[in-house]
């Protein structure tokens, strides 16, 4: 099964993806994690990515798509992928559909975690204080949230039109959101 966890930064996608990995053995393809790893490597690509993220901007489709494509064989071997932070644009969604179709696969379900934007600001401030992730800087968060809203909003009708969009309340406890996700996945497996 291939699923997309959809929602703005700090909506809880990473938390839920890690739980799904632990419980179902799927591979989490987190563009955020992949980009942070590129930065940590000190490579030319990593330096380029760091500059983009430090400004609160999104990296190019070409970079993100290449990172995802490199990890697809690992996800296939594990029985599926959890796409976390990808796709962010309709162009990326179309590229993902084409990549998967070329491998005889598809996106099975898109789970949208709906979260109040005011609550997101609080989550980011807390995560920045606890983890110190540069991309969680509260000053940069407004830019990230605007980019998310501007660029990914068209994905809702894209996936709704395919009958794959399931909207869930992301404001509940981690356990409540997990139960809603499991219920939604149970409907897809039928």
N, C-alpha and C. Protein backbone atom coordinates (compact mmCIF):
# COMPACT_ATOMS: atom_id res chain seq x y z
N UNK A 1 0.84 -1.18 0.00
CA UNK A 1 0.00 0.00 0.00
C UNK A 1 0.88 1.24 0.00
N UNK A 2 0.53 2.19 -0.82
CA UNK A 2 1.20 3.48 -0.86
C UNK A 2 0.23 4.54 -0.38
N UNK A 3 0.64 5.29 0.63
CA UNK A 3 -0.23 6.33 1.15
C UNK A 3 0.52 7.63 1.31
N UNK A 4 -0.23 8.70 1.25
CA UNK A 4 0.32 10.04 1.44
C UNK A 4 -0.28 10.60 2.71
N UNK A 5 0.57 11.12 3.58
CA UNK A 5 0.12 11.88 4.74
C UNK A 5 0.21 13.34 4.34
N UNK A 6 -0.92 13.99 4.34
CA UNK A 6 -1.04 15.34 3.82
C UNK A 6 -1.43 16.29 4.94
N UNK A 7 -0.77 17.40 5.00
CA UNK A 7 -1.10 18.41 5.98
C UNK A 7 0.04 19.40 6.10
N UNK A 8 -0.22 20.54 6.71
CA UNK A 8 0.81 21.57 6.82
C UNK A 8 1.94 21.15 7.76
N UNK A 9 3.04 21.89 7.76
CA UNK A 9 4.12 21.60 8.69
C UNK A 9 3.59 21.55 10.13
N UNK A 10 4.06 20.59 10.90
CA UNK A 10 3.71 20.41 12.31
C UNK A 10 2.32 19.83 12.53
N UNK A 11 1.70 19.28 11.47
CA UNK A 11 0.37 18.69 11.61
C UNK A 11 0.42 17.31 12.25
N UNK A 12 1.60 16.74 12.41
CA UNK A 12 1.72 15.42 13.01
C UNK A 12 2.00 14.31 12.02
N UNK A 13 2.31 14.68 10.79
CA UNK A 13 2.57 13.67 9.75
C UNK A 13 3.73 12.76 10.14
N UNK A 14 4.83 13.35 10.58
CA UNK A 14 6.01 12.56 10.93
C UNK A 14 5.74 11.61 12.07
N UNK A 15 5.02 12.07 13.08
CA UNK A 15 4.68 11.22 14.23
C UNK A 15 3.86 10.02 13.78
N UNK A 16 2.85 10.27 12.97
CA UNK A 16 1.99 9.18 12.52
C UNK A 16 2.72 8.26 11.55
N UNK A 17 3.57 8.81 10.71
CA UNK A 17 4.33 7.98 9.77
C UNK A 17 5.25 7.01 10.52
N UNK A 18 5.92 7.51 11.54
CA UNK A 18 6.81 6.64 12.33
C UNK A 18 6.03 5.50 12.97
N UNK A 19 4.83 5.80 13.45
CA UNK A 19 3.98 4.75 14.04
C UNK A 19 3.60 3.71 12.99
N UNK A 20 3.24 4.16 11.81
CA UNK A 20 2.87 3.24 10.74
C UNK A 20 4.05 2.38 10.31
N UNK A 21 5.24 2.97 10.29
CA UNK A 21 6.44 2.20 9.97
C UNK A 21 6.64 1.09 11.00
N UNK A 22 6.54 1.46 12.27
CA UNK A 22 6.74 0.48 13.34
C UNK A 22 5.71 -0.63 13.32
N UNK A 23 4.46 -0.28 13.03
CA UNK A 23 3.37 -1.25 13.10
C UNK A 23 3.16 -2.05 11.82
N UNK A 24 3.52 -1.47 10.66
CA UNK A 24 3.22 -2.13 9.38
C UNK A 24 4.45 -2.42 8.53
N UNK A 25 5.61 -1.96 8.98
CA UNK A 25 6.85 -2.24 8.25
C UNK A 25 7.01 -1.47 6.96
N UNK A 26 6.16 -0.49 6.73
CA UNK A 26 6.27 0.32 5.52
C UNK A 26 7.48 1.23 5.62
N UNK A 27 7.86 1.84 4.53
CA UNK A 27 8.99 2.76 4.49
C UNK A 27 8.46 4.19 4.44
N UNK A 28 8.93 5.01 5.37
CA UNK A 28 8.56 6.42 5.38
C UNK A 28 9.49 7.18 4.45
N UNK A 29 8.92 7.81 3.46
CA UNK A 29 9.69 8.65 2.55
C UNK A 29 9.39 10.10 2.91
N UNK A 30 10.15 10.61 3.86
CA UNK A 30 9.98 11.97 4.35
C UNK A 30 10.94 12.88 3.63
N UNK A 31 10.40 13.77 2.84
CA UNK A 31 11.29 14.69 2.12
C UNK A 31 12.05 15.56 3.10
N UNK A 32 11.42 15.93 4.20
CA UNK A 32 12.12 16.73 5.22
C UNK A 32 13.34 16.01 5.75
N UNK A 33 13.17 14.73 6.10
CA UNK A 33 14.30 13.94 6.60
C UNK A 33 15.38 13.79 5.53
N UNK A 34 14.95 13.54 4.29
CA UNK A 34 15.92 13.37 3.21
C UNK A 34 16.70 14.67 2.96
N UNK A 35 16.01 15.79 3.03
CA UNK A 35 16.68 17.07 2.81
C UNK A 35 17.63 17.40 3.96
N UNK A 36 17.22 17.10 5.20
CA UNK A 36 18.13 17.32 6.34
C UNK A 36 19.36 16.43 6.22
N UNK A 37 19.18 15.19 5.74
CA UNK A 37 20.33 14.29 5.55
C UNK A 37 21.26 14.85 4.47
N UNK A 38 20.70 15.42 3.42
CA UNK A 38 21.54 16.02 2.37
C UNK A 38 22.35 17.18 2.94
N UNK A 39 21.72 18.00 3.79
CA UNK A 39 22.43 19.11 4.42
C UNK A 39 23.55 18.58 5.32
N UNK A 40 23.25 17.58 6.12
CA UNK A 40 24.24 17.01 7.05
C UNK A 40 25.43 16.41 6.31
N UNK A 41 25.20 15.95 5.08
CA UNK A 41 26.28 15.34 4.31
C UNK A 41 27.33 16.36 3.89
N UNK A 42 26.93 17.64 3.87
CA UNK A 42 27.87 18.69 3.45
C UNK A 42 28.12 18.73 1.96
N UNK A 43 27.35 17.95 1.20
CA UNK A 43 27.52 17.90 -0.25
C UNK A 43 27.10 19.22 -0.89
N UNK A 44 27.41 19.35 -2.16
CA UNK A 44 27.00 20.54 -2.89
C UNK A 44 25.48 20.67 -2.88
N UNK A 45 24.80 19.53 -3.10
CA UNK A 45 23.34 19.54 -3.05
C UNK A 45 22.88 19.96 -1.65
N UNK A 46 23.51 19.43 -0.63
CA UNK A 46 23.15 19.77 0.74
C UNK A 46 23.31 21.25 1.03
N UNK A 47 24.36 21.86 0.53
CA UNK A 47 24.57 23.29 0.74
C UNK A 47 23.50 24.12 0.03
N UNK A 48 23.13 23.66 -1.17
CA UNK A 48 22.09 24.35 -1.93
C UNK A 48 20.75 24.25 -1.19
N UNK A 49 20.44 23.04 -0.71
CA UNK A 49 19.20 22.81 0.02
C UNK A 49 19.17 23.65 1.29
N UNK A 50 20.28 23.73 2.00
CA UNK A 50 20.35 24.50 3.24
C UNK A 50 19.98 25.96 2.99
N UNK A 51 20.51 26.54 1.95
CA UNK A 51 20.19 27.93 1.63
C UNK A 51 18.72 28.13 1.37
N UNK A 52 18.12 27.20 0.64
CA UNK A 52 16.69 27.29 0.32
C UNK A 52 15.85 27.18 1.60
N UNK A 53 16.16 26.17 2.43
CA UNK A 53 15.38 25.96 3.64
C UNK A 53 15.58 27.08 4.65
N UNK A 54 16.78 27.61 4.73
CA UNK A 54 17.04 28.71 5.67
C UNK A 54 16.20 29.94 5.34
N UNK A 55 15.84 30.08 4.06
CA UNK A 55 14.98 31.19 3.64
C UNK A 55 13.50 30.86 3.79
N UNK A 56 13.19 29.60 4.19
CA UNK A 56 11.80 29.19 4.34
C UNK A 56 11.13 28.85 3.03
N UNK A 57 11.92 28.65 1.98
CA UNK A 57 11.38 28.33 0.66
C UNK A 57 11.32 26.82 0.48
N UNK A 58 10.69 26.39 -0.59
CA UNK A 58 10.62 24.97 -0.94
C UNK A 58 11.67 24.66 -2.00
N UNK A 59 12.29 23.48 -1.90
CA UNK A 59 13.27 23.09 -2.90
C UNK A 59 12.56 22.76 -4.20
N UNK A 60 13.31 22.70 -5.29
CA UNK A 60 12.71 22.47 -6.61
C UNK A 60 12.12 21.07 -6.71
N UNK A 61 11.14 20.95 -7.61
CA UNK A 61 10.53 19.65 -7.87
C UNK A 61 11.57 18.63 -8.30
N UNK A 62 12.50 19.03 -9.14
CA UNK A 62 13.49 18.08 -9.66
C UNK A 62 14.29 17.43 -8.55
N UNK A 63 14.71 18.21 -7.56
CA UNK A 63 15.49 17.67 -6.45
C UNK A 63 14.65 16.70 -5.64
N UNK A 64 13.45 17.11 -5.28
CA UNK A 64 12.60 16.28 -4.44
C UNK A 64 12.20 14.99 -5.16
N UNK A 65 11.83 15.09 -6.42
CA UNK A 65 11.43 13.91 -7.19
C UNK A 65 12.58 12.92 -7.29
N UNK A 66 13.79 13.41 -7.52
CA UNK A 66 14.95 12.53 -7.60
C UNK A 66 15.19 11.81 -6.27
N UNK A 67 15.05 12.52 -5.16
CA UNK A 67 15.21 11.90 -3.85
C UNK A 67 14.19 10.79 -3.63
N UNK A 68 12.94 11.05 -4.00
CA UNK A 68 11.87 10.05 -3.84
C UNK A 68 12.13 8.85 -4.74
N UNK A 69 12.46 9.11 -5.99
CA UNK A 69 12.66 8.02 -6.95
C UNK A 69 13.77 7.07 -6.50
N UNK A 70 14.81 7.62 -5.89
CA UNK A 70 15.92 6.79 -5.41
C UNK A 70 15.48 5.83 -4.30
N UNK A 71 14.43 6.19 -3.56
CA UNK A 71 14.01 5.38 -2.42
C UNK A 71 12.86 4.42 -2.74
N UNK A 72 12.25 4.52 -3.92
CA UNK A 72 11.10 3.67 -4.25
C UNK A 72 11.41 2.17 -4.19
N UNK A 73 12.56 1.69 -4.67
CA UNK A 73 12.81 0.25 -4.57
C UNK A 73 12.78 -0.26 -3.13
N UNK A 74 13.31 0.52 -2.20
CA UNK A 74 13.29 0.14 -0.79
C UNK A 74 11.84 0.03 -0.29
N UNK A 75 11.00 0.98 -0.67
CA UNK A 75 9.60 0.98 -0.25
C UNK A 75 8.86 -0.22 -0.85
N UNK A 76 9.12 -0.51 -2.10
CA UNK A 76 8.47 -1.65 -2.74
C UNK A 76 8.82 -2.95 -2.03
N UNK A 77 10.08 -3.11 -1.66
CA UNK A 77 10.53 -4.32 -0.98
C UNK A 77 9.86 -4.47 0.38
N UNK A 78 9.49 -3.35 1.01
CA UNK A 78 8.86 -3.37 2.33
C UNK A 78 7.34 -3.50 2.25
N UNK A 79 6.78 -3.42 1.05
CA UNK A 79 5.34 -3.55 0.90
C UNK A 79 4.59 -2.25 0.80
N UNK A 80 5.32 -1.14 0.75
CA UNK A 80 4.63 0.12 0.55
C UNK A 80 5.37 1.31 1.12
N UNK A 81 4.90 2.48 0.72
CA UNK A 81 5.53 3.72 1.14
C UNK A 81 4.52 4.62 1.83
N UNK A 82 5.06 5.38 2.76
CA UNK A 82 4.31 6.46 3.39
C UNK A 82 5.00 7.73 2.92
N UNK A 83 4.34 8.48 2.06
CA UNK A 83 4.90 9.73 1.56
C UNK A 83 4.54 10.83 2.54
N UNK A 84 5.56 11.43 3.12
CA UNK A 84 5.42 12.45 4.16
C UNK A 84 6.10 13.72 3.67
N UNK A 85 5.28 14.73 3.34
CA UNK A 85 5.84 15.97 2.82
C UNK A 85 6.00 15.97 1.31
N UNK A 86 5.48 14.96 0.66
CA UNK A 86 5.54 14.84 -0.79
C UNK A 86 4.31 14.09 -1.24
N UNK A 87 3.65 14.51 -2.28
CA UNK A 87 3.94 15.68 -3.11
C UNK A 87 3.44 16.97 -2.45
N UNK A 88 4.03 18.07 -2.88
CA UNK A 88 3.61 19.39 -2.39
C UNK A 88 2.94 20.21 -3.48
N UNK A 89 3.06 19.78 -4.71
CA UNK A 89 2.46 20.51 -5.83
C UNK A 89 1.78 19.51 -6.76
N UNK A 90 0.90 20.02 -7.61
CA UNK A 90 0.24 19.15 -8.59
C UNK A 90 1.28 18.54 -9.52
N UNK A 91 2.30 19.29 -9.90
CA UNK A 91 3.35 18.74 -10.77
C UNK A 91 4.04 17.56 -10.08
N UNK A 92 4.31 17.68 -8.79
CA UNK A 92 4.92 16.57 -8.06
C UNK A 92 3.96 15.38 -7.97
N UNK A 93 2.67 15.65 -7.77
CA UNK A 93 1.67 14.58 -7.70
C UNK A 93 1.60 13.83 -9.03
N UNK A 94 1.63 14.57 -10.12
CA UNK A 94 1.60 13.94 -11.44
C UNK A 94 2.86 13.12 -11.67
N UNK A 95 4.02 13.65 -11.23
CA UNK A 95 5.28 12.90 -11.36
C UNK A 95 5.24 11.63 -10.52
N UNK A 96 4.68 11.72 -9.32
CA UNK A 96 4.58 10.53 -8.46
C UNK A 96 3.67 9.49 -9.10
N UNK A 97 2.51 9.93 -9.61
CA UNK A 97 1.61 8.99 -10.29
C UNK A 97 2.32 8.28 -11.44
N UNK A 98 3.09 9.04 -12.22
CA UNK A 98 3.80 8.46 -13.36
C UNK A 98 4.90 7.51 -12.90
N UNK A 99 5.65 7.91 -11.86
CA UNK A 99 6.71 7.03 -11.33
C UNK A 99 6.13 5.71 -10.85
N UNK A 100 5.05 5.80 -10.08
CA UNK A 100 4.44 4.59 -9.54
C UNK A 100 3.81 3.74 -10.64
N UNK A 101 3.13 4.38 -11.59
CA UNK A 101 2.51 3.63 -12.69
C UNK A 101 3.56 2.87 -13.48
N UNK A 102 4.72 3.49 -13.66
CA UNK A 102 5.81 2.83 -14.36
C UNK A 102 6.34 1.60 -13.63
N UNK A 103 5.99 1.50 -12.36
CA UNK A 103 6.42 0.37 -11.53
C UNK A 103 5.25 -0.55 -11.21
N UNK A 104 4.10 -0.32 -11.87
CA UNK A 104 2.92 -1.15 -11.63
C UNK A 104 2.27 -0.88 -10.28
N UNK A 105 2.40 0.33 -9.78
CA UNK A 105 1.84 0.67 -8.47
C UNK A 105 1.06 1.98 -8.58
N UNK A 106 0.48 2.41 -7.45
CA UNK A 106 -0.30 3.64 -7.42
C UNK A 106 -0.36 4.16 -5.99
N UNK A 107 -0.82 5.39 -5.84
CA UNK A 107 -1.15 5.93 -4.52
C UNK A 107 -2.51 5.35 -4.18
N UNK A 108 -2.60 4.68 -3.02
CA UNK A 108 -3.86 4.05 -2.63
C UNK A 108 -4.78 4.99 -1.86
N UNK A 109 -4.20 5.83 -1.00
CA UNK A 109 -5.02 6.72 -0.19
C UNK A 109 -4.20 7.94 0.21
N UNK A 110 -4.89 9.07 0.34
CA UNK A 110 -4.28 10.32 0.80
C UNK A 110 -5.00 10.70 2.09
N UNK A 111 -4.26 10.73 3.17
CA UNK A 111 -4.82 11.08 4.47
C UNK A 111 -4.45 12.52 4.79
N UNK A 112 -5.46 13.37 4.86
CA UNK A 112 -5.22 14.78 5.17
C UNK A 112 -5.50 15.03 6.64
N UNK A 113 -4.46 15.46 7.35
CA UNK A 113 -4.62 15.84 8.74
C UNK A 113 -4.97 17.32 8.80
N UNK A 114 -6.20 17.61 9.20
CA UNK A 114 -6.65 18.99 9.29
C UNK A 114 -6.31 19.53 10.68
N UNK A 115 -5.57 20.64 10.70
CA UNK A 115 -5.11 21.22 11.96
C UNK A 115 -5.29 22.73 11.91
N UNK A 116 -5.69 23.31 13.02
CA UNK A 116 -5.85 24.75 13.15
C UNK A 116 -4.48 25.44 13.04
N UNK A 117 -4.38 26.49 12.22
CA UNK A 117 -3.09 27.15 11.99
C UNK A 117 -2.53 27.81 13.25
N UNK A 118 -3.39 28.30 14.13
CA UNK A 118 -2.91 28.88 15.39
C UNK A 118 -2.24 27.80 16.24
N UNK A 119 -2.83 26.62 16.26
CA UNK A 119 -2.24 25.51 17.01
C UNK A 119 -0.90 25.10 16.39
N UNK A 120 -0.80 25.20 15.07
CA UNK A 120 0.46 24.85 14.41
C UNK A 120 1.60 25.74 14.88
N UNK A 121 1.32 27.02 15.07
CA UNK A 121 2.35 27.94 15.52
C UNK A 121 2.87 27.50 16.89
N UNK A 122 1.97 27.08 17.76
CA UNK A 122 2.38 26.58 19.07
C UNK A 122 3.20 25.31 18.97
N UNK A 123 2.80 24.41 18.09
CA UNK A 123 3.55 23.16 17.90
C UNK A 123 4.97 23.44 17.40
N UNK A 124 5.08 24.36 16.47
CA UNK A 124 6.39 24.70 15.91
C UNK A 124 7.29 25.30 16.98
N UNK A 125 6.76 26.23 17.75
CA UNK A 125 7.57 26.86 18.80
C UNK A 125 8.06 25.82 19.80
N UNK A 126 7.19 24.88 20.17
CA UNK A 126 7.57 23.82 21.11
C UNK A 126 8.64 22.91 20.49
N UNK A 127 8.42 22.49 19.24
CA UNK A 127 9.38 21.59 18.59
C UNK A 127 10.72 22.27 18.40
N UNK A 128 10.71 23.57 18.07
CA UNK A 128 11.96 24.32 17.90
C UNK A 128 12.71 24.37 19.23
N UNK A 129 11.99 24.62 20.32
CA UNK A 129 12.62 24.69 21.65
C UNK A 129 13.20 23.33 22.06
N UNK A 130 12.50 22.25 21.72
CA UNK A 130 12.93 20.90 22.13
C UNK A 130 14.02 20.33 21.23
N UNK A 131 13.89 20.53 19.91
CA UNK A 131 14.79 19.88 18.97
C UNK A 131 15.76 20.83 18.28
N UNK A 132 15.44 22.10 18.25
CA UNK A 132 16.32 23.08 17.64
C UNK A 132 16.48 22.95 16.14
N UNK A 133 15.49 22.32 15.47
CA UNK A 133 15.59 22.18 14.01
C UNK A 133 15.52 23.55 13.35
N UNK A 134 16.51 23.89 12.51
CA UNK A 134 16.52 25.22 11.90
C UNK A 134 15.27 25.52 11.08
N UNK A 135 14.68 24.51 10.44
CA UNK A 135 13.49 24.74 9.62
C UNK A 135 12.24 24.94 10.48
N UNK A 136 12.36 24.74 11.80
CA UNK A 136 11.25 24.98 12.71
C UNK A 136 11.34 26.36 13.37
N UNK A 137 12.28 27.17 12.96
CA UNK A 137 12.39 28.52 13.52
C UNK A 137 11.04 29.20 13.37
N UNK A 138 10.45 29.67 14.49
CA UNK A 138 9.12 30.28 14.41
C UNK A 138 9.03 31.44 13.41
N UNK A 139 10.13 32.14 13.20
CA UNK A 139 10.12 33.24 12.24
C UNK A 139 9.99 32.74 10.81
N UNK A 140 10.57 31.58 10.54
CA UNK A 140 10.51 30.99 9.20
C UNK A 140 9.19 30.25 8.98
N UNK A 141 8.56 29.85 10.09
CA UNK A 141 7.35 29.04 9.99
C UNK A 141 6.25 29.72 9.17
N UNK A 142 6.09 31.03 9.36
CA UNK A 142 5.06 31.74 8.60
C UNK A 142 5.27 31.62 7.10
N UNK A 143 6.53 31.66 6.67
CA UNK A 143 6.86 31.51 5.25
C UNK A 143 6.53 30.09 4.79
N UNK A 144 6.89 29.09 5.62
CA UNK A 144 6.60 27.69 5.28
C UNK A 144 5.10 27.44 5.17
N UNK A 145 4.34 28.00 6.12
CA UNK A 145 2.90 27.79 6.12
C UNK A 145 2.25 28.45 4.91
N UNK A 146 2.70 29.64 4.57
CA UNK A 146 2.17 30.32 3.38
C UNK A 146 2.49 29.52 2.12
N UNK A 147 3.74 29.02 2.02
CA UNK A 147 4.12 28.21 0.86
C UNK A 147 3.26 26.95 0.78
N UNK A 148 3.03 26.33 1.92
CA UNK A 148 2.18 25.14 1.96
C UNK A 148 0.78 25.48 1.44
N UNK A 149 0.19 26.54 2.00
CA UNK A 149 -1.17 26.90 1.61
C UNK A 149 -1.26 27.27 0.13
N UNK A 150 -0.29 28.04 -0.35
CA UNK A 150 -0.31 28.49 -1.74
C UNK A 150 -0.08 27.35 -2.73
N UNK A 151 0.89 26.50 -2.42
CA UNK A 151 1.33 25.51 -3.41
C UNK A 151 0.63 24.16 -3.29
N UNK A 152 0.19 23.79 -2.09
CA UNK A 152 -0.38 22.45 -1.96
C UNK A 152 -1.89 22.43 -1.92
N UNK A 153 -2.54 23.56 -1.74
CA UNK A 153 -4.00 23.58 -1.73
C UNK A 153 -4.61 22.92 -2.98
N UNK A 154 -4.01 23.09 -4.18
CA UNK A 154 -4.58 22.43 -5.36
C UNK A 154 -4.53 20.90 -5.31
N UNK A 155 -3.76 20.34 -4.39
CA UNK A 155 -3.72 18.88 -4.28
C UNK A 155 -5.02 18.31 -3.73
N UNK A 156 -5.74 19.09 -2.96
CA UNK A 156 -7.01 18.59 -2.41
C UNK A 156 -7.97 18.18 -3.52
N UNK A 157 -8.29 19.06 -4.47
CA UNK A 157 -9.19 18.62 -5.54
C UNK A 157 -8.56 17.56 -6.45
N UNK A 158 -7.24 17.59 -6.60
CA UNK A 158 -6.56 16.59 -7.43
C UNK A 158 -6.83 15.19 -6.90
N UNK A 159 -6.59 14.99 -5.60
CA UNK A 159 -6.79 13.66 -5.03
C UNK A 159 -8.26 13.36 -4.73
N UNK A 160 -9.04 14.38 -4.44
CA UNK A 160 -10.48 14.17 -4.24
C UNK A 160 -11.10 13.67 -5.55
N UNK A 161 -10.65 14.25 -6.66
CA UNK A 161 -11.14 13.83 -7.97
C UNK A 161 -10.79 12.38 -8.29
N UNK A 162 -9.72 11.88 -7.70
CA UNK A 162 -9.33 10.48 -7.89
C UNK A 162 -10.01 9.56 -6.87
N UNK A 163 -10.79 10.16 -5.95
CA UNK A 163 -11.47 9.37 -4.93
C UNK A 163 -10.52 8.83 -3.86
N UNK A 164 -9.39 9.47 -3.67
CA UNK A 164 -8.38 8.96 -2.73
C UNK A 164 -8.24 9.79 -1.45
N UNK A 165 -8.90 10.94 -1.38
CA UNK A 165 -8.72 11.85 -0.26
C UNK A 165 -9.62 11.49 0.92
N UNK A 166 -8.99 11.30 2.08
CA UNK A 166 -9.71 11.07 3.34
C UNK A 166 -9.25 12.16 4.30
N UNK A 167 -10.19 12.96 4.80
CA UNK A 167 -9.84 14.05 5.71
C UNK A 167 -10.09 13.61 7.15
N UNK A 168 -9.08 13.87 7.99
CA UNK A 168 -9.13 13.47 9.39
C UNK A 168 -8.83 14.67 10.28
N UNK A 169 -9.41 14.68 11.48
CA UNK A 169 -9.15 15.73 12.45
C UNK A 169 -7.79 15.48 13.07
N UNK A 170 -6.83 16.36 12.78
CA UNK A 170 -5.48 16.22 13.32
C UNK A 170 -5.29 16.91 14.66
N UNK A 171 -6.35 17.44 15.24
CA UNK A 171 -6.24 18.18 16.50
C UNK A 171 -6.35 17.28 17.73
N UNK A 172 -6.72 16.04 17.54
CA UNK A 172 -6.86 15.14 18.68
C UNK A 172 -5.51 14.68 19.21
N UNK A 173 -5.55 13.83 20.20
CA UNK A 173 -4.32 13.26 20.75
C UNK A 173 -3.66 12.38 19.68
N UNK A 174 -2.40 12.08 19.89
CA UNK A 174 -1.68 11.20 18.96
C UNK A 174 -2.45 9.89 18.82
N UNK A 175 -2.96 9.38 19.92
CA UNK A 175 -3.67 8.09 19.91
C UNK A 175 -4.99 8.20 19.14
N UNK A 176 -5.72 9.31 19.33
CA UNK A 176 -6.99 9.48 18.63
C UNK A 176 -6.77 9.61 17.12
N UNK A 177 -5.77 10.37 16.73
CA UNK A 177 -5.45 10.51 15.31
C UNK A 177 -5.03 9.16 14.74
N UNK A 178 -4.22 8.41 15.50
CA UNK A 178 -3.77 7.09 15.05
C UNK A 178 -4.97 6.16 14.82
N UNK A 179 -5.95 6.20 15.72
CA UNK A 179 -7.13 5.36 15.57
C UNK A 179 -7.92 5.74 14.32
N UNK A 180 -8.03 7.05 14.05
CA UNK A 180 -8.72 7.49 12.84
C UNK A 180 -7.99 7.05 11.58
N UNK A 181 -6.66 7.13 11.61
CA UNK A 181 -5.85 6.69 10.47
C UNK A 181 -6.03 5.20 10.24
N UNK A 182 -5.97 4.42 11.31
CA UNK A 182 -6.13 2.97 11.18
C UNK A 182 -7.49 2.61 10.61
N UNK A 183 -8.53 3.33 11.06
CA UNK A 183 -9.88 3.08 10.53
C UNK A 183 -9.94 3.39 9.04
N UNK A 184 -9.32 4.50 8.64
CA UNK A 184 -9.31 4.88 7.21
C UNK A 184 -8.56 3.85 6.38
N UNK A 185 -7.42 3.39 6.90
CA UNK A 185 -6.65 2.38 6.16
C UNK A 185 -7.41 1.06 6.06
N UNK A 186 -8.16 0.74 7.09
CA UNK A 186 -8.98 -0.47 7.06
C UNK A 186 -10.01 -0.44 5.95
N UNK A 187 -10.50 0.74 5.61
CA UNK A 187 -11.46 0.88 4.52
C UNK A 187 -10.80 0.69 3.16
N UNK A 188 -9.53 1.08 3.05
CA UNK A 188 -8.80 0.96 1.79
C UNK A 188 -8.45 -0.49 1.51
N UNK A 189 -8.10 -1.23 2.56
CA UNK A 189 -7.66 -2.62 2.41
C UNK A 189 -8.81 -3.52 1.97
N UNK A 190 -10.06 -3.14 2.32
CA UNK A 190 -11.22 -3.99 1.99
C UNK A 190 -11.37 -4.21 0.52
